[in-house]
């Protein structure tokens, strides 16, 4: 797990600077940061789907739109990224 990763339950508890830092960790508008944040946050959730939903909600709270429509879409995009770049790291 990343030393910099901090599990966030509720985005409303964050100040502007913390929200900015979260947006950096989520990778802005790129999928790589979302993937990394998801994998770093897995230990705080019972299931992979729960973790995905939590991270996707954080993304929505920051950007006003969901990064992925569903967990299935997320997994397909992630698997496609792995296929295109086998050196892609979690």
Protein backbone atom coordinates (compact mmCIF):
# COMPACT_ATOMS: atom_id res chain seq x y z
CA UNK A 1 0.00 0.00 0.00
CA UNK A 2 1.16 3.50 -0.74
CA UNK A 3 2.52 5.46 2.22
CA UNK A 4 0.59 8.46 0.94
CA UNK A 5 -2.77 6.66 0.74
CA UNK A 6 -5.33 7.71 3.27
CA UNK A 7 -8.78 6.11 3.35
CA UNK A 8 -11.51 8.75 3.11
CA UNK A 9 -15.05 8.00 4.25
CA UNK A 10 -16.75 11.31 3.58
CA UNK A 11 -15.54 13.99 1.19
CA UNK A 12 -17.58 16.69 2.99
CA UNK A 13 -15.14 16.44 5.90
CA UNK A 14 -12.25 17.57 3.69
CA UNK A 15 -11.06 21.12 3.25
CA UNK A 16 -10.19 22.52 -0.18
CA UNK A 17 -6.53 21.55 0.05
CA UNK A 18 -7.41 17.98 1.03
CA UNK A 19 -9.89 17.74 -1.85
CA UNK A 20 -7.16 18.90 -4.20
CA UNK A 21 -4.81 16.22 -2.85
CA UNK A 22 -7.54 13.61 -3.30
CA UNK A 23 -8.02 14.69 -6.90
CA UNK A 24 -4.28 14.19 -7.47
CA UNK A 25 -4.42 10.69 -5.93
CA UNK A 26 -7.44 9.82 -8.07
CA UNK A 27 -5.34 10.79 -11.07
CA UNK A 28 -7.38 13.75 -12.19
CA UNK A 29 -9.29 12.65 -15.23
CA UNK A 30 -7.01 9.71 -16.08
CA UNK A 31 -7.86 6.08 -15.29
CA UNK A 32 -4.43 5.20 -13.84
CA UNK A 33 -4.94 7.21 -10.66
CA UNK A 34 -8.40 5.72 -10.20
CA UNK A 35 -6.96 2.21 -10.52
CA UNK A 36 -4.20 2.91 -8.01
CA UNK A 37 -6.55 4.52 -5.52
CA UNK A 38 -8.93 1.57 -5.85
CA UNK A 39 -6.21 -1.02 -5.18
CA UNK A 40 -4.82 0.96 -2.24
CA UNK A 41 -8.30 1.29 -0.72
CA UNK A 42 -9.31 -2.38 -1.06
CA UNK A 43 -8.28 -3.31 2.48
CA UNK A 44 -10.92 -0.95 3.89
CA UNK A 45 -13.84 -2.70 2.17
CA UNK A 46 -15.50 -6.09 2.44
CA UNK A 47 -15.70 -6.66 -1.31
CA UNK A 48 -14.10 -5.37 -4.48
CA UNK A 49 -17.48 -4.04 -5.59
CA UNK A 50 -17.91 -2.10 -2.33
CA UNK A 51 -14.48 -0.55 -2.84
CA UNK A 52 -15.24 0.34 -6.44
CA UNK A 53 -18.53 1.98 -5.46
CA UNK A 54 -16.81 3.99 -2.73
CA UNK A 55 -14.02 5.25 -5.01
CA UNK A 56 -16.47 5.98 -7.84
CA UNK A 57 -18.58 8.04 -5.39
CA UNK A 58 -15.50 10.00 -4.31
CA UNK A 59 -14.79 10.69 -7.97
CA UNK A 60 -18.39 11.83 -8.45
CA UNK A 61 -18.18 14.14 -5.42
CA UNK A 62 -15.06 15.76 -6.88
CA UNK A 63 -15.97 15.97 -10.57
CA UNK A 64 -19.77 15.80 -10.71
CA UNK A 65 -19.75 12.64 -12.83
CA UNK A 66 -18.91 9.01 -12.30
CA UNK A 67 -15.66 7.70 -13.73
CA UNK A 68 -17.30 4.36 -14.61
CA UNK A 69 -20.94 3.38 -15.11
CA UNK A 70 -20.55 0.10 -13.25
CA UNK A 71 -18.07 -2.29 -11.67
CA UNK A 72 -18.24 -4.41 -14.84
CA UNK A 73 -17.21 -1.45 -16.98
CA UNK A 74 -14.35 -0.67 -14.59
CA UNK A 75 -13.04 -4.27 -14.73
CA UNK A 76 -13.26 -4.37 -18.54
CA UNK A 77 -11.35 -1.10 -18.87
CA UNK A 78 -8.75 -2.23 -16.35
CA UNK A 79 -8.27 -5.57 -18.11
CA UNK A 80 -7.95 -3.77 -21.44
CA UNK A 81 -5.28 -1.50 -19.93
CA UNK A 82 -3.38 -4.59 -18.74
CA UNK A 83 -3.61 -6.16 -22.19
CA UNK A 84 -2.28 -3.04 -23.91
CA UNK A 85 0.51 -2.57 -21.39
CA UNK A 86 1.63 -5.76 -19.60
CA UNK A 87 4.01 -3.69 -17.44
CA UNK A 88 1.14 -1.70 -15.99
CA UNK A 89 1.41 -1.78 -12.19
CA UNK A 90 -1.31 -1.75 -9.57
